[in-house]
Protein backbone atom coordinates (compact mmCIF):
# COMPACT_ATOMS: atom_id res chain seq x y z
CA MET A 1 82.07 133.41 121.40
CA LYS A 2 80.97 130.74 118.93
CA PRO A 3 82.88 127.45 119.36
CA PRO A 4 85.19 126.42 116.48
CA TRP A 5 83.72 124.08 113.85
CA TRP A 6 85.61 121.06 115.19
CA HIS A 7 84.32 121.39 118.76
CA ALA A 8 81.04 119.57 118.09
CA SER A 9 82.89 116.72 116.36
CA VAL A 10 85.13 116.26 119.40
CA LEU A 11 82.19 116.23 121.80
CA ARG A 12 80.21 113.72 119.73
CA ALA A 13 83.20 111.40 119.39
CA CYS A 14 83.91 111.59 123.11
CA ALA A 15 80.29 110.81 123.92
CA ARG A 16 80.33 107.74 121.64
CA LEU A 17 83.62 106.48 123.13
CA ARG A 18 82.65 107.36 126.70
CA LEU A 19 85.49 109.83 127.18
CA ALA A 20 85.38 113.03 129.24
CA PRO A 21 86.93 115.70 127.00
CA GLY A 22 87.70 118.22 129.74
CA ARG A 23 89.61 121.18 128.38
CA VAL A 24 90.44 120.70 124.71
CA THR A 25 93.40 122.25 122.87
CA LEU A 26 93.82 122.60 119.12
CA LEU A 27 97.20 121.18 118.07
CA ARG A 28 96.99 121.37 114.29
CA GLU A 29 94.48 122.32 111.62
CA ALA A 30 95.50 121.22 108.13
CA GLU A 31 94.46 118.20 106.03
CA ASN A 32 93.60 116.63 109.39
CA THR A 33 92.55 118.56 112.47
CA VAL A 34 94.17 117.35 115.69
CA VAL A 35 92.87 118.25 119.16
CA ARG A 36 94.26 117.28 122.59
CA LEU A 37 91.88 116.17 125.32
CA ALA A 38 92.51 116.64 129.03
CA ASP A 39 93.24 113.02 129.91
CA GLY A 40 96.07 111.96 127.62
CA TRP A 41 94.12 111.30 124.42
CA VAL A 42 94.27 113.09 121.08
CA VAL A 43 91.36 113.43 118.64
CA ARG A 44 92.08 113.38 114.91
CA ILE A 45 89.39 114.69 112.54
CA GLY A 46 89.90 113.59 108.94
CA ALA A 47 88.82 115.23 105.71
CA PHE A 48 85.39 114.63 104.20
CA GLY A 49 84.95 111.14 102.80
CA THR A 50 88.10 109.58 104.30
CA GLN A 51 86.37 107.01 106.50
CA ASP A 52 88.02 104.07 104.70
CA SER A 53 91.45 105.58 105.32
CA ALA A 54 90.63 106.11 109.00
CA CYS A 55 89.53 102.47 109.33
CA ARG A 56 92.79 101.29 107.77
CA GLN A 57 94.86 103.46 110.10
CA LEU A 58 93.11 102.00 113.12
CA ALA A 59 93.54 98.45 111.81
CA VAL A 60 97.22 99.08 111.09
CA ALA A 61 97.83 100.51 114.58
CA ARG A 62 96.23 97.46 116.19
CA TRP A 63 98.20 95.09 113.94
CA LEU A 64 101.48 96.84 114.79
CA ALA A 65 100.69 96.46 118.48
CA GLU A 66 100.00 92.74 117.97
CA VAL A 67 103.30 92.09 116.16
CA GLY A 68 105.36 94.23 118.55
CA VAL A 69 106.34 97.10 116.26
CA PRO A 70 106.27 100.29 118.38
CA ALA A 71 103.79 102.81 117.01
CA VAL A 72 101.15 105.33 117.95
CA GLU A 73 98.39 103.70 120.01
CA ALA A 74 94.72 103.81 118.98
CA HIS A 75 91.98 104.04 121.56
CA PRO A 76 90.76 100.45 122.11
CA ASP A 77 87.04 101.12 121.63
CA PRO A 78 85.81 99.21 118.56
CA ASP A 79 83.26 101.94 117.75
CA GLN A 80 85.98 103.94 116.00
CA PRO A 81 85.95 105.78 113.72
CA VAL A 82 83.04 108.00 114.66
CA VAL A 83 81.75 109.77 111.54
CA VAL A 84 80.50 113.31 112.18
CA ASP A 85 79.12 115.34 109.28
CA GLY A 86 80.99 113.17 106.80
CA ARG A 87 84.35 113.40 108.60
CA PRO A 88 85.91 110.40 110.39
CA VAL A 89 86.94 111.10 113.97
CA THR A 90 89.48 108.85 115.67
CA VAL A 91 91.10 108.92 119.12
CA TRP A 92 94.73 108.11 119.87
CA ARG A 93 96.98 107.93 122.93
CA GLU A 94 98.94 111.19 123.21
CA LEU A 95 102.62 110.66 122.49
CA PRO A 96 105.12 111.07 125.34
CA ASP A 97 107.82 113.71 124.99
CA HIS A 98 109.75 112.92 121.82
CA ARG A 99 112.05 114.22 119.11
CA ARG A 100 112.42 113.48 115.43
CA GLY A 101 114.05 110.18 114.59
CA ARG A 102 117.74 109.99 113.70
CA PRO A 103 118.96 108.01 110.68
CA ARG A 104 119.93 104.86 112.56
CA GLU A 105 116.69 104.93 114.57
CA ILE A 106 114.64 105.32 111.40
CA ALA A 107 116.55 102.44 109.81
CA ASN A 108 115.87 100.15 112.76
CA ALA A 109 112.19 101.07 112.86
CA LEU A 110 111.76 100.46 109.13
CA ARG A 111 113.64 97.18 109.35
CA SER A 112 111.26 96.07 112.11
CA LEU A 113 108.24 97.02 109.99
CA HIS A 114 109.53 95.52 106.75
CA ASP A 115 110.43 92.25 108.47
CA GLN A 116 106.74 91.55 109.12
CA PRO A 117 104.83 89.29 106.72
CA ILE A 118 102.11 91.14 104.82
CA PRO A 119 98.91 90.62 106.85
CA GLY A 120 95.52 89.86 105.42
CA GLY A 121 92.32 91.58 106.42
CA LEU A 122 93.66 95.12 106.89
CA GLY A 123 92.48 96.44 103.54
CA LEU A 124 95.95 97.70 102.68
CA LEU A 125 96.24 99.19 99.19
CA PRO A 126 99.19 98.93 96.78
CA LEU A 127 101.55 101.90 96.90
CA ASN A 128 100.54 104.64 94.48
CA PRO A 129 103.36 107.20 94.60
CA VAL A 130 101.45 109.78 92.54
CA ALA A 131 98.22 109.56 94.54
CA GLY A 132 96.73 113.01 95.11
CA LEU A 133 99.42 114.90 93.20
CA SER A 134 97.16 116.14 90.39
CA ASP A 135 94.74 117.55 92.96
CA ARG A 136 97.60 119.36 94.67
CA VAL A 137 98.73 120.89 91.38
CA ASP A 138 95.16 122.01 90.72
CA ALA A 139 95.10 123.63 94.17
CA ALA A 140 98.42 125.41 93.63
CA HIS A 141 96.88 128.63 92.32
CA THR A 142 99.98 130.74 92.94
CA LEU A 143 102.10 128.80 90.44
CA THR A 144 102.48 129.98 86.88
CA GLU A 145 100.59 128.05 84.23
CA SER A 146 103.97 127.00 82.82
CA ASP A 147 105.01 125.46 86.12
CA ARG A 148 101.64 123.79 86.67
CA GLY A 149 101.68 122.32 83.17
CA TRP A 150 105.23 121.12 83.65
CA LEU A 151 104.32 119.43 86.95
CA ARG A 152 101.31 117.71 85.37
CA ASP A 153 103.50 116.36 82.56
CA ARG A 154 106.12 115.21 85.07
CA ILE A 155 103.52 113.39 87.17
CA THR A 156 102.19 111.58 84.09
CA ARG A 157 105.68 110.56 83.02
CA LEU A 158 106.71 109.36 86.46
CA ALA A 159 103.50 107.35 86.86
CA GLY A 160 104.26 105.60 83.57
CA ASP A 161 107.84 104.91 84.58
CA TYR A 162 106.71 103.52 87.95
CA ALA A 163 104.68 100.87 86.14
CA ASP A 164 108.04 99.51 84.89
CA LEU A 165 109.94 99.88 88.17
CA PRO A 166 112.99 97.57 88.24
CA ARG A 167 112.76 94.53 90.50
CA GLY A 168 114.16 95.14 93.96
CA LEU A 169 113.47 93.94 97.48
CA PRO A 170 110.36 91.80 98.04
CA HIS A 171 107.23 93.86 98.61
CA ARG A 172 106.34 94.53 102.22
CA VAL A 173 104.10 96.71 104.36
CA LEU A 174 105.38 100.28 103.97
CA HIS A 175 105.06 103.25 106.24
CA GLY A 176 104.66 105.31 103.09
CA ASP A 177 105.93 108.66 104.42
CA ALA A 178 109.07 107.78 106.37
CA TRP A 179 110.52 111.20 107.12
CA PRO A 180 111.90 112.01 110.61
CA GLY A 181 108.72 113.76 111.74
CA ASN A 182 106.76 110.54 111.26
CA ILE A 183 109.28 108.22 112.95
CA VAL A 184 110.03 109.70 116.36
CA THR A 185 111.98 108.70 119.45
CA THR A 186 110.75 109.25 123.00
CA THR A 187 112.89 111.33 125.33
CA THR A 188 111.55 110.12 128.68
CA GLY A 189 112.32 106.74 130.23
CA VAL A 190 113.79 104.11 127.92
CA PRO A 191 114.04 105.69 124.44
CA THR A 192 111.62 104.04 122.03
CA THR A 193 111.28 104.81 118.33
CA LEU A 194 107.65 104.99 117.22
CA LEU A 195 105.91 104.94 113.86
CA ILE A 196 103.26 107.66 113.73
CA ASP A 197 100.99 109.17 111.05
CA LEU A 198 99.83 105.90 109.52
CA GLU A 199 97.56 107.24 106.79
CA ARG A 200 99.93 106.31 103.94
CA VAL A 201 100.70 102.76 105.08
CA SER A 202 100.47 100.53 102.00
CA VAL A 203 102.07 97.52 100.33
CA GLY A 204 104.94 97.95 97.89
CA PRO A 205 108.70 98.16 97.43
CA PRO A 206 110.55 98.80 100.72
CA GLU A 207 112.83 101.10 98.76
CA TRP A 208 110.06 103.71 98.85
CA ASP A 209 110.55 104.09 102.60
CA LEU A 210 114.35 104.06 102.29
CA VAL A 211 114.51 106.79 99.67
CA SER A 212 113.16 109.38 102.12
CA THR A 213 116.45 109.24 104.04
CA ALA A 214 118.64 108.77 100.95
CA ILE A 215 117.48 112.07 99.46
CA LYS A 216 118.32 113.87 102.69
CA ARG A 217 121.92 112.95 101.97
CA PHE A 218 122.12 113.13 98.17
CA SER A 219 119.39 115.58 97.11
CA PHE A 220 119.61 118.10 99.94
CA GLY A 221 122.76 117.40 101.96
CA THR A 222 120.93 117.72 105.26
CA ILE A 223 122.55 114.64 106.81
CA THR A 224 126.22 113.71 106.75
CA GLY A 225 127.90 110.81 105.04
CA ASP A 226 128.47 109.19 108.44
CA GLU A 227 124.77 109.52 109.30
CA TYR A 228 123.79 107.96 105.99
CA ALA A 229 126.25 105.12 106.60
CA GLU A 230 124.57 104.55 109.98
CA PHE A 231 121.22 104.38 108.18
CA THR A 232 122.33 101.85 105.56
CA GLY A 233 124.21 99.84 108.18
CA GLY A 234 121.18 99.75 110.46
CA TYR A 235 118.82 98.67 107.70
CA GLY A 236 121.29 96.43 105.86
CA HIS A 237 120.68 97.82 102.37
CA ASP A 238 121.65 100.94 100.39
CA VAL A 239 118.80 101.97 98.10
CA THR A 240 121.10 104.21 96.03
CA ASN A 241 122.80 101.11 94.58
CA TRP A 242 119.50 99.92 93.06
CA PRO A 243 118.58 100.80 89.43
CA GLY A 244 115.18 102.12 90.52
CA TYR A 245 116.59 104.66 92.97
CA ARG A 246 116.49 107.67 90.64
CA LEU A 247 112.86 107.10 89.77
CA LEU A 248 111.75 106.86 93.40
CA ARG A 249 113.95 109.85 94.23
CA ASP A 250 112.23 111.88 91.51
CA LEU A 251 108.82 110.77 92.74
CA ARG A 252 109.60 111.71 96.34
CA GLU A 253 111.00 115.12 95.35
CA THR A 254 107.92 115.75 93.22
CA ARG A 255 105.61 114.84 96.10
CA MET A 256 107.47 117.26 98.37
CA THR A 257 107.15 120.00 95.76
CA CYS A 258 103.44 119.47 95.04
CA TRP A 259 102.64 119.38 98.76
CA LEU A 260 104.36 122.70 99.32
CA ALA A 261 102.89 124.28 96.18
CA ALA A 262 99.37 123.47 97.39
CA ARG A 263 100.15 124.92 100.83
CA ALA A 264 101.57 128.06 99.21
CA ALA A 265 98.11 128.85 97.84
CA ARG A 266 97.06 129.45 101.48
CA ASP A 267 100.35 130.77 102.90
CA ALA A 268 102.07 133.64 101.12
CA ASP A 269 105.32 132.96 102.98
CA LEU A 270 105.72 129.71 101.00
CA HIS A 271 105.36 131.17 97.49
CA ARG A 272 109.07 131.69 96.94
CA GLU A 273 110.03 128.25 98.24
CA ALA A 274 107.47 126.55 95.98
CA GLY A 275 108.87 128.32 92.94
CA HIS A 276 112.42 127.49 94.00
CA ARG A 277 111.66 123.78 94.29
CA ILE A 278 110.10 123.66 90.85
CA ALA A 279 113.06 125.54 89.39
CA CYS A 280 115.38 122.93 90.92
CA LEU A 281 113.39 120.09 89.41
CA ARG A 282 113.42 121.86 86.05
CA GLY A 283 117.21 122.01 86.14
CA LEU A 284 117.52 125.77 86.68
CA HIS A 285 119.67 125.54 89.83
CA GLY A 286 122.26 123.01 88.74
CA PRO A 287 122.77 119.46 89.99
CA ARG A 288 121.90 118.12 93.43
CA PRO A 289 122.35 118.75 96.31
CA TRP A 290 119.89 121.64 96.44
CA THR A 291 118.95 123.80 99.38
CA TRP A 292 115.25 123.44 100.17
CA ALA A 293 113.86 125.21 103.19
CA SER A 294 112.26 123.05 105.84
CA THR A 295 108.55 123.74 106.21
CA GLY A 296 107.42 120.95 108.53
């Protein structure tokens, strides 16, 4: 049987980093392909042309280790990333057993990150909350032209509004995608909350990270009032009291919708949910909270 396309990339990266791959197991194949090696390392194969992003993720992981913010651990070899056929390949320590972060844990982890001074030399970019959204709409072939046109107009409007975002907390290093699947807590030994999936780390308003939990309470009702109070108490700030909250909420909801709409072009089971999310944004299902199915 012919090996999968990613097998050669894994072998070449392991050879460069002097790792013995042993038996390899595919964990995920999406925007990034993730493969487990036999000795506690995980290989991540990025999309074509994303070498700069891979370099930033490695630099961020090493910086987080230096400043004592718990996060996913990069392999120490400085030869990373290894570029194979135009795709960056990086190697990371496999996570211990873990679960998704809870609101207070996420708050504490974000507080620890946001407390750090913005470092120089990492090549961090300013937050762009509409980055990649137009491409996702273009890829969302199962949407009606009406819905695609409406999403494009919404993205343009939100990008313009973001340029006039009200002043809030001082800009800091952001995780950029602070949902519970990207801030996890270990379940063996002393529980530790870790930042993972560092590809959207950037510099900008800390409120962008906070809004991911706020909408779980106020847009979707998937956490309780007590859980949200634990989150705001742990972080020390309630983003919903800030004049820019609605704009960042709308941006986050739009990102969630565009991501799913692009996936629905490859997965027929997601077609209905993509249409439902757009209908909610268009005001066809009444005010928030809405019921959106979990897909991650």
